[in-house]
Amino acid sequence: MQDSSSTNRGTNLDPWYGAYAARTAGLSASEVRALFAVASRPEVVSLAGGMPFVAALPEDLIRSAFDTVMRTQGPMALQYGSGQGVPALREHILEVMAEEGIRAGVDDVVTTTGSQQAIDLVAKLFLDPGDVVLAEAPSYVGAIGVFRSYQARTVHVAMDSDGLIPQALRETIAAERAAGSTIKFLYTVPNFHNPAGVTMSAARRPEILEIARSNGILVVEDNPYGLLWFDKAPPPPLRTLEDDGVIYLGSFSKTLAPGFRVGWVLAPHAIREKLVLAAESAILSPSSFNQLVVNEYLNTADWRAQIDVFRGVYRERKETMLSALSEHLPELTWTNPNGGFYVWVTLPPELDSKQMLPRAVTELVAYTPGTAFYADGGGRSEMRLSFCYPTPENIRMGIRRLATVVGGELDLLRTFSGTGTLRVNRPDRRVVSPPPDLG
């Protein structure tokens, strides 16, 4: 008698299809990752990926950090390390978190391979198949993918310009509990949200924590962008208001460079111990070399001033993007972030950002469809535009090309539907007629 795996080998392109664990059904290429191959072509203006502008880093200091580590700590850098991370770097992480008002001890911090691994470790510890994770609508695509891979269900909670809506959170919790669901935690990006760009207001933060506390729900606070503010710092992190009920995730990917793959978790004691064990079972230890290089950079560089340089770079690019949107796509709506990397754009309801993407690539501009950021198929009339990596000149060029795409799609749709044409300022032509009700 043949087993299912041997039967499938004759009928499926993957000869091992029948042998995979059930949880692999949740593994799929994200729409963000799939865009990188296209966006890397030099003729395409990519407004898609959230790549930091690492060219603004002081290259001499980075190179010096590499040289110093190999000269003074070479054997340690090339050896296995602690599963919790290099203590000296964890001391520096405390200094970084103190910039936002977080106070903790060095033993409270677990170093990870980017904050993406931190999300995975938290999911590994808490999620059983069928469990529910609450998250903003929309939410970070990388987190949604992790939760799906552990066979959990992401349930979105409405947000607005002030972030997660407390009443919507209450109602969602009540509905899921009434349906018999097990809610394990709330995942939130409160500062300069990815992808929406909004920041949770100071007034809502204690209310959100109280709702979670009263319902016995852990909060996972993902804060990679908190130091990259433009006009004023965001409110203090949730972790400053609550110790035992919040797991805080941080990263050097946005404030230094993603290539180092160094992030961290600040967690309550019992959770922290399990995180270390989970990390050791997955990778034994994070890279000693990368941690020591980051540590040396923080020892020698004026990293606070460098973060301020990044703020100026990203502020200019955000302002360029909003100006270009106002000029070329004035009938659309978008968020106005006070930090971070992203602008969230809402299209007319008859447009589908995912279906429109091939035409955009033909016009040599790329963006991320809104559907990438919803676990339930939402976001079709939305898109994320990233201003962090392209130059201001390329941002203006990309928005002009995007206007051509949006206008062309609307012209086509309304030609067949017999309606008018949305007024869109495009470089090739200009059609003016009453705009539709965008609601």
Protein backbone atom coordinates (compact mmCIF):
# COMPACT_ATOMS: atom_id res chain seq x y z
CA MET A 1 0.00 0.00 0.00
CA GLN A 2 1.42 3.36 -1.01
CA ASP A 3 1.46 6.28 1.39
CA SER A 4 0.08 9.67 0.35
CA SER A 5 3.54 11.15 -0.21
CA SER A 6 4.54 8.48 -2.72
CA THR A 7 1.21 8.85 -4.53
CA ASN A 8 1.58 12.61 -4.82
CA ARG A 9 5.08 12.31 -6.23
CA GLY A 10 3.66 11.10 -9.50
CA THR A 11 1.06 13.85 -9.87
CA ASN A 12 2.57 16.99 -8.29
CA LEU A 13 5.44 19.14 -9.49
CA ASP A 14 6.83 18.93 -5.95
CA PRO A 15 7.58 15.25 -5.27
CA TRP A 16 7.43 15.84 -1.50
CA TYR A 17 4.12 17.71 -1.50
CA GLY A 18 2.34 15.06 0.53
CA ALA A 19 5.06 14.93 3.18
CA TYR A 20 4.89 18.55 4.32
CA ALA A 21 3.43 19.46 7.71
CA ALA A 22 -0.03 20.99 7.63
CA ARG A 23 1.32 24.32 8.88
CA THR A 24 3.28 24.86 5.66
CA ALA A 25 0.00 25.75 4.00
CA GLY A 26 0.44 29.12 5.70
CA LEU A 27 3.78 29.77 4.01
CA SER A 28 3.53 31.95 0.93
CA ALA A 29 5.59 34.63 -0.75
CA SER A 30 4.46 38.05 0.41
CA GLU A 31 3.46 40.62 -2.16
CA VAL A 32 6.23 42.85 -0.80
CA ARG A 33 8.93 40.25 -1.38
CA ALA A 34 7.58 39.42 -4.82
CA LEU A 35 7.96 43.08 -5.78
CA PHE A 36 11.68 43.23 -5.05
CA ALA A 37 12.65 41.42 -8.26
CA VAL A 38 10.75 43.98 -10.31
CA ALA A 39 11.63 46.99 -8.20
CA SER A 40 15.35 46.25 -8.44
CA ARG A 41 15.37 46.98 -12.17
CA PRO A 42 17.12 50.36 -12.55
CA GLU A 43 14.47 51.81 -14.86
CA VAL A 44 11.65 51.19 -12.34
CA VAL A 45 10.96 53.80 -9.67
CA SER A 46 10.18 51.70 -6.62
CA LEU A 47 7.78 53.20 -4.11
CA ALA A 48 7.23 49.69 -2.78
CA GLY A 49 9.85 48.30 -0.41
CA GLY A 50 10.68 49.82 2.96
CA MET A 51 14.44 49.91 2.45
CA PRO A 52 16.29 52.45 4.61
CA PHE A 53 18.53 54.96 2.88
CA VAL A 54 21.76 53.40 4.17
CA ALA A 55 23.89 55.64 1.91
CA ALA A 56 23.35 58.34 4.56
CA LEU A 57 25.46 56.35 7.02
CA PRO A 58 29.06 57.40 7.72
CA GLU A 59 30.84 54.70 5.73
CA ASP A 60 34.20 55.36 7.38
CA LEU A 61 32.77 54.69 10.85
CA ILE A 62 31.09 51.48 9.70
CA ARG A 63 34.31 50.26 8.13
CA SER A 64 36.26 51.24 11.22
CA ALA A 65 33.86 49.27 13.41
CA PHE A 66 34.47 46.15 11.30
CA ASP A 67 38.25 46.62 11.49
CA THR A 68 38.28 47.26 15.23
CA VAL A 69 36.17 44.23 16.01
CA MET A 70 38.42 41.90 14.00
CA ARG A 71 41.58 43.44 15.44
CA THR A 72 40.55 43.45 19.10
CA GLN A 73 37.84 40.78 19.40
CA GLY A 74 38.32 38.58 16.36
CA PRO A 75 38.17 35.16 18.08
CA MET A 76 35.04 36.15 20.02
CA ALA A 77 33.40 37.66 16.93
CA LEU A 78 33.87 34.45 14.95
CA GLN A 79 32.69 32.13 17.72
CA TYR A 80 29.32 30.98 19.01
CA GLY A 81 27.79 33.35 21.52
CA SER A 82 25.08 33.57 24.14
CA GLY A 83 21.53 32.78 23.11
CA GLN A 84 20.46 35.99 24.86
CA GLY A 85 22.99 38.13 23.00
CA VAL A 86 26.20 40.05 23.71
CA PRO A 87 25.87 41.81 27.11
CA ALA A 88 27.71 44.95 25.97
CA LEU A 89 25.28 45.42 23.08
CA ARG A 90 22.33 44.85 25.37
CA GLU A 91 23.67 47.71 27.52
CA HIS A 92 23.62 49.94 24.44
CA ILE A 93 20.09 48.77 23.65
CA LEU A 94 19.04 50.08 27.05
CA GLU A 95 20.47 53.49 26.06
CA VAL A 96 18.54 53.41 22.77
CA MET A 97 15.28 52.55 24.52
CA ALA A 98 15.91 55.23 27.13
CA GLU A 99 15.63 57.81 24.32
CA GLU A 100 11.91 56.98 24.33
CA GLY A 101 11.56 56.73 28.09
CA ILE A 102 11.87 52.96 28.55
CA ARG A 103 13.72 51.83 31.67
CA ALA A 104 14.89 48.23 32.02
CA GLY A 105 17.84 46.06 33.02
CA VAL A 106 20.35 44.38 30.75
CA ASP A 107 19.03 40.93 31.71
CA ASP A 108 15.56 41.94 30.47
CA VAL A 109 16.75 42.18 26.84
CA VAL A 110 17.05 39.32 24.34
CA THR A 111 18.96 40.08 21.13
CA THR A 112 17.41 38.61 17.97
CA THR A 113 18.19 38.30 14.28
CA GLY A 114 16.19 41.40 13.42
CA SER A 115 12.82 42.11 14.99
CA GLN A 116 11.31 39.76 12.41
CA GLN A 117 12.79 36.83 14.33
CA ALA A 118 11.39 38.37 17.51
CA ILE A 119 7.89 38.23 16.02
CA ASP A 120 8.48 34.61 15.06
CA LEU A 121 9.71 33.68 18.54
CA VAL A 122 6.70 35.30 20.22
CA ALA A 123 4.38 33.47 17.83
CA LYS A 124 6.22 30.20 18.47
CA LEU A 125 5.75 30.57 22.21
CA PHE A 126 2.09 31.56 22.23
CA LEU A 127 0.22 30.40 19.16
CA ASP A 128 -1.58 27.10 18.73
CA PRO A 129 -3.49 26.26 15.55
CA GLY A 130 -6.76 28.18 15.46
CA ASP A 131 -5.70 30.86 17.95
CA VAL A 132 -6.48 34.50 17.23
CA VAL A 133 -4.07 37.43 17.00
CA LEU A 134 -5.64 40.88 17.02
CA ALA A 135 -3.95 43.48 14.80
CA GLU A 136 -4.71 46.84 13.24
CA ALA A 137 -6.46 47.00 9.89
CA PRO A 138 -4.19 47.18 7.91
CA SER A 139 -1.16 45.54 9.56
CA TYR A 140 2.49 44.70 8.88
CA VAL A 141 2.66 42.05 6.16
CA GLY A 142 5.64 40.27 7.75
CA ALA A 143 3.76 39.73 11.00
CA ILE A 144 0.63 38.48 9.23
CA GLY A 145 2.78 35.92 7.42
CA VAL A 146 4.34 34.70 10.66
CA PHE A 147 0.99 34.29 12.39
CA ARG A 148 -0.38 32.41 9.38
CA SER A 149 2.63 30.09 9.38
CA TYR A 150 1.72 29.03 12.93
CA GLN A 151 -1.85 28.34 11.77
CA ALA A 152 -3.25 31.26 13.74
CA ARG A 153 -5.92 33.63 12.50
CA THR A 154 -5.25 37.38 12.29
CA VAL A 155 -8.38 39.35 13.14
CA HIS A 156 -8.20 43.01 12.20
CA VAL A 157 -9.34 45.88 14.41
CA ALA A 158 -10.29 49.20 12.85
CA MET A 159 -7.95 52.16 13.13
CA ASP A 160 -8.13 55.82 12.17
CA SER A 161 -5.79 58.81 12.16
CA ASP A 162 -5.25 58.36 15.92
CA GLY A 163 -4.39 54.68 15.61
CA LEU A 164 -6.23 51.68 16.98
CA ILE A 165 -9.82 52.54 17.93
CA PRO A 166 -10.56 51.47 21.54
CA GLN A 167 -14.26 50.80 21.00
CA ALA A 168 -13.50 48.72 17.94
CA LEU A 169 -11.06 46.70 20.04
CA ARG A 170 -13.70 46.09 22.70
CA GLU A 171 -16.23 45.00 20.12
CA THR A 172 -13.79 42.70 18.32
CA ILE A 173 -12.76 41.01 21.57
CA ALA A 174 -16.39 40.51 22.55
CA ALA A 175 -17.29 39.09 19.13
CA GLU A 176 -14.35 36.67 19.07
CA ARG A 177 -14.98 35.51 22.63
CA ALA A 178 -18.67 34.98 21.82
CA ALA A 179 -17.62 32.84 18.87
CA GLY A 180 -15.46 30.70 21.16
CA SER A 181 -12.10 31.98 19.84
CA THR A 182 -8.92 31.97 21.93
CA ILE A 183 -7.25 35.37 21.69
CA LYS A 184 -3.55 35.13 22.50
CA PHE A 185 -2.28 38.67 21.99
CA LEU A 186 -2.73 42.07 20.37
CA TYR A 187 -0.02 42.93 17.85
CA THR A 188 0.36 46.67 17.27
CA VAL A 189 2.75 49.11 15.56
CA PRO A 190 1.77 52.28 17.44
CA ASN A 191 4.41 54.67 16.08
CA PHE A 192 4.43 55.67 12.38
CA HIS A 193 2.52 52.53 11.56
CA ASN A 194 3.56 50.16 8.82
CA PRO A 195 1.77 50.48 6.43
CA ALA A 196 -0.65 53.24 7.41
CA GLY A 197 1.87 55.80 8.68
CA VAL A 198 -0.36 56.95 11.56
CA THR A 199 0.60 57.16 15.24
CA MET A 200 -1.53 56.02 18.16
CA SER A 201 -2.51 59.09 20.19
CA ALA A 202 -1.31 59.59 23.74
CA ALA A 203 -4.89 59.53 25.00
CA ARG A 204 -5.61 56.13 23.49
CA ARG A 205 -2.52 54.32 24.74
CA PRO A 206 -3.55 53.79 28.38
CA GLU A 207 -7.08 52.94 27.24
CA ILE A 208 -5.83 50.26 24.84
CA LEU A 209 -3.68 48.80 27.62
CA GLU A 210 -6.57 48.79 30.06
CA ILE A 211 -8.78 46.95 27.56
CA ALA A 212 -6.06 44.35 27.04
CA ARG A 213 -5.39 44.04 30.78
CA SER A 214 -9.05 43.63 31.72
CA ASN A 215 -9.45 40.91 29.09
CA GLY A 216 -6.24 39.06 29.95
CA ILE A 217 -4.67 39.75 26.56
CA LEU A 218 -0.94 40.25 26.09
CA VAL A 219 0.22 43.23 23.99
CA VAL A 220 3.08 42.89 21.50
CA GLU A 221 4.41 46.38 20.71
CA ASP A 222 6.51 46.52 17.52
CA ASN A 223 8.42 49.80 17.40
CA PRO A 224 11.07 49.90 14.65
CA TYR A 225 10.33 53.51 13.61
CA GLY A 226 9.81 55.29 16.94
CA LEU A 227 13.03 57.34 16.83
CA LEU A 228 12.51 58.42 13.22
CA TRP A 229 10.10 61.27 13.94
CA PHE A 230 9.99 64.51 11.96
CA ASP A 231 8.42 67.42 13.81
CA LYS A 232 8.03 65.99 17.31
CA ALA A 233 8.56 62.72 19.09
CA PRO A 234 5.61 60.34 19.35
CA PRO A 235 4.00 59.62 22.73
CA PRO A 236 5.97 57.31 25.04
CA PRO A 237 5.82 53.62 24.09
CA LEU A 238 3.17 51.37 25.58
CA ARG A 239 5.98 49.61 27.44
CA THR A 240 6.54 52.76 29.55
CA LEU A 241 2.97 52.44 30.83
CA GLU A 242 2.86 48.69 31.42
CA ASP A 243 5.64 46.22 32.27
CA ASP A 244 4.09 42.81 32.78
CA GLY A 245 1.54 42.92 29.98
CA VAL A 246 3.69 44.21 27.11
CA ILE A 247 6.36 42.56 24.98
CA TYR A 248 8.38 45.29 23.27
CA LEU A 249 10.20 44.70 19.96
CA GLY A 250 12.99 46.94 18.67
CA SER A 251 15.43 46.92 15.77
CA PHE A 252 18.58 48.54 14.39
CA SER A 253 17.36 47.88 10.84
CA LYS A 254 15.81 51.33 10.45
CA THR A 255 18.13 53.45 12.60
CA LEU A 256 21.37 51.80 11.48
CA ALA A 257 21.24 49.20 8.70
CA PRO A 258 19.07 46.14 8.00
CA GLY A 259 22.03 44.12 6.72
CA PHE A 260 23.28 43.60 10.28
CA ARG A 261 20.02 41.80 11.16
CA VAL A 262 20.12 42.88 14.80
CA GLY A 263 16.94 43.42 16.76
CA TRP A 264 15.76 42.77 20.29
CA VAL A 265 12.90 41.85 22.61
CA LEU A 266 12.14 43.38 25.98
CA ALA A 267 9.81 41.02 27.81
CA PRO A 268 8.55 40.15 31.28
CA HIS A 269 10.90 37.78 33.12
CA ALA A 270 9.11 34.45 32.59
CA ILE A 271 8.49 35.18 28.91
CA ARG A 272 12.09 36.32 28.44
CA GLU A 273 13.44 33.01 29.72
CA LYS A 274 11.28 31.10 27.25
CA LEU A 275 12.32 33.44 24.43
CA VAL A 276 15.97 32.61 25.07
CA LEU A 277 15.22 28.88 24.99
CA ALA A 278 13.20 29.27 21.79
CA ALA A 279 15.97 31.30 20.16
CA GLU A 280 18.60 28.74 21.13
CA SER A 281 16.52 25.93 19.68
CA ALA A 282 16.17 27.84 16.41
CA ILE A 283 19.63 29.34 15.80
CA LEU A 284 21.78 28.53 18.89
CA SER A 285 22.77 32.20 19.10
CA PRO A 286 22.49 35.41 17.10
CA SER A 287 25.57 36.42 15.11
CA SER A 288 28.37 37.42 17.50
CA PHE A 289 30.16 39.24 14.70
CA ASN A 290 27.20 41.41 13.73
CA GLN A 291 26.38 42.24 17.34
CA LEU A 292 29.95 43.26 18.10
CA VAL A 293 30.15 45.47 15.00
CA VAL A 294 26.94 47.23 15.97
CA ASN A 295 28.24 47.56 19.51
CA GLU A 296 31.51 49.09 18.29
CA TYR A 297 29.63 51.53 16.06
CA LEU A 298 27.52 52.63 19.02
CA ASN A 299 30.70 52.99 21.08
CA THR A 300 32.42 55.30 18.61
CA ALA A 301 29.76 57.06 16.52
CA ASP A 302 27.45 59.87 17.50
CA TRP A 303 24.48 57.62 16.80
CA ARG A 304 21.97 60.13 18.07
CA ALA A 305 23.20 62.69 15.56
CA GLN A 306 23.07 60.04 12.84
CA ILE A 307 19.44 59.31 13.66
CA ASP A 308 18.79 63.04 13.33
CA VAL A 309 20.39 62.91 9.85
CA PHE A 310 17.98 60.13 8.92
CA ARG A 311 15.07 62.21 10.22
CA GLY A 312 16.03 65.05 7.89
CA VAL A 313 16.43 62.74 4.90
CA TYR A 314 13.07 61.07 5.42
CA ARG A 315 11.26 64.31 6.27
CA GLU A 316 12.35 65.83 2.94
CA ARG A 317 11.26 62.75 1.02
CA LYS A 318 7.89 62.57 2.73
CA GLU A 319 7.23 66.22 1.96
CA THR A 320 8.24 65.63 -1.65
CA MET A 321 5.83 62.71 -1.92
CA LEU A 322 2.89 64.59 -0.42
CA SER A 323 3.58 67.57 -2.67
CA ALA A 324 3.68 65.34 -5.75
CA LEU A 325 0.47 63.57 -4.73
CA SER A 326 -1.25 66.93 -4.28
CA GLU A 327 -0.10 68.04 -7.72
CA HIS A 328 -0.75 64.89 -9.75
CA LEU A 329 -3.41 62.94 -7.82
CA PRO A 330 -5.35 65.61 -5.91
CA GLU A 331 -8.60 63.66 -5.77
CA LEU A 332 -7.11 60.75 -3.85
CA THR A 333 -6.68 60.69 -0.08
CA TRP A 334 -3.60 59.76 1.91
CA THR A 335 -2.10 59.84 5.37
CA ASN A 336 0.43 62.45 6.50
CA PRO A 337 2.93 60.63 8.72
CA ASN A 338 5.03 62.47 11.27
CA GLY A 339 7.80 59.88 10.98
CA GLY A 340 8.70 56.49 9.61
CA PHE A 341 8.71 55.40 5.98
CA TYR A 342 5.18 55.16 4.58
CA VAL A 343 2.19 56.98 3.12
CA TRP A 344 -1.10 55.08 2.89
CA VAL A 345 -3.16 56.03 -0.16
CA THR A 346 -6.86 55.39 -0.69
CA LEU A 347 -8.01 55.00 -4.29
CA PRO A 348 -11.50 55.41 -5.74
CA PRO A 349 -13.51 52.29 -4.77
CA GLU A 350 -13.76 51.03 -8.36
CA LEU A 351 -9.99 50.59 -8.60
CA ASP A 352 -8.15 47.47 -7.47
CA SER A 353 -4.53 48.20 -6.49
CA LYS A 354 -3.48 44.59 -6.93
CA GLN A 355 -4.95 44.25 -10.40
CA MET A 356 -3.52 47.65 -11.33
CA LEU A 357 0.04 46.71 -10.41
CA PRO A 358 1.03 45.07 -13.74
CA ARG A 359 0.08 48.26 -15.57
CA ALA A 360 2.10 50.27 -13.05
CA VAL A 361 5.17 48.12 -13.67
CA THR A 362 4.69 48.67 -17.41
CA GLU A 363 4.74 52.40 -16.65
CA LEU A 364 7.97 51.81 -14.65
CA VAL A 365 6.67 52.49 -11.16
CA ALA A 366 6.08 50.01 -8.33
CA TYR A 367 4.04 50.22 -5.13
CA THR A 368 2.68 47.70 -2.64
CA PRO A 369 -1.01 46.78 -3.03
CA GLY A 370 -3.14 47.23 0.06
CA THR A 371 -4.16 43.57 -0.04
CA ALA A 372 -0.69 42.62 1.23
CA PHE A 373 -1.54 44.15 4.60
CA TYR A 374 -4.84 42.41 5.30
CA ALA A 375 -5.33 38.80 6.33
CA ASP A 376 -8.97 38.84 5.23
CA GLY A 377 -8.65 40.01 1.62
CA GLY A 378 -9.27 43.69 2.31
CA GLY A 379 -7.32 46.67 1.04
CA ARG A 380 -8.11 46.43 -2.67
CA SER A 381 -8.70 50.16 -3.01
CA GLU A 382 -5.60 51.03 -0.98
CA MET A 383 -1.84 51.06 -1.52
CA ARG A 384 1.33 51.71 0.44
CA LEU A 385 3.89 54.16 -0.94
CA SER A 386 7.38 54.18 0.58
CA PHE A 387 9.37 57.41 0.54
CA CYS A 388 12.41 56.14 2.45
CA TYR A 389 14.68 54.90 -0.34
CA PRO A 390 14.09 56.81 -3.63
CA THR A 391 15.58 60.25 -4.11
CA PRO A 392 13.22 63.24 -4.14
CA GLU A 393 13.61 63.45 -7.92
CA ASN A 394 12.63 59.81 -8.33
CA ILE A 395 9.72 60.23 -5.94
CA ARG A 396 8.32 63.02 -8.14
CA MET A 397 8.89 60.90 -11.25
CA GLY A 398 7.25 57.90 -9.64
CA ILE A 399 4.14 59.82 -8.60
CA ARG A 400 3.82 61.26 -12.12
CA ARG A 401 3.95 57.74 -13.53
CA LEU A 402 1.47 56.54 -10.93
CA ALA A 403 -0.91 59.32 -11.94
CA THR A 404 -0.75 58.07 -15.52
CA VAL A 405 -1.65 54.57 -14.30
CA VAL A 406 -4.53 55.68 -12.09
CA GLY A 407 -5.94 58.01 -14.73
CA GLY A 408 -5.65 55.37 -17.44
CA GLU A 409 -7.41 52.76 -15.33
CA LEU A 410 -10.26 55.13 -14.52
CA ASP A 411 -10.60 56.22 -18.14
CA LEU A 412 -10.86 52.59 -19.19
CA LEU A 413 -13.35 51.63 -16.50
CA ARG A 414 -15.59 54.61 -17.06
CA THR A 415 -15.51 54.34 -20.80
CA PHE A 416 -17.15 50.94 -20.49
CA SER A 417 -19.42 51.94 -17.61
CA GLY A 418 -20.56 55.18 -19.26
CA THR A 419 -19.60 57.43 -16.34
CA GLY A 420 -17.40 60.48 -16.28
CA THR A 421 -13.68 60.68 -15.65
CA LEU A 422 -11.93 61.45 -12.41
CA ARG A 423 -9.79 64.56 -12.66
CA VAL A 424 -6.19 63.41 -12.44
CA ASN A 425 -3.20 65.57 -13.30
CA ARG A 426 -1.00 63.49 -15.58
CA PRO A 427 2.06 64.41 -17.58
CA ASP A 428 0.54 63.24 -20.86
CA ARG A 429 -2.93 64.80 -20.73
CA ARG A 430 -5.48 66.37 -18.45
CA VAL A 431 -9.17 65.48 -18.33
CA VAL A 432 -11.42 67.50 -16.09
CA SER A 433 -14.88 66.46 -15.02
CA PRO A 434 -16.70 66.19 -11.68
CA PRO A 435 -14.96 63.68 -9.39
CA PRO A 436 -16.99 60.79 -7.98
CA ASP A 437 -18.09 60.65 -4.37
CA LEU A 438 -15.09 59.09 -2.61
CA GLY A 439 -17.02 58.61 0.60
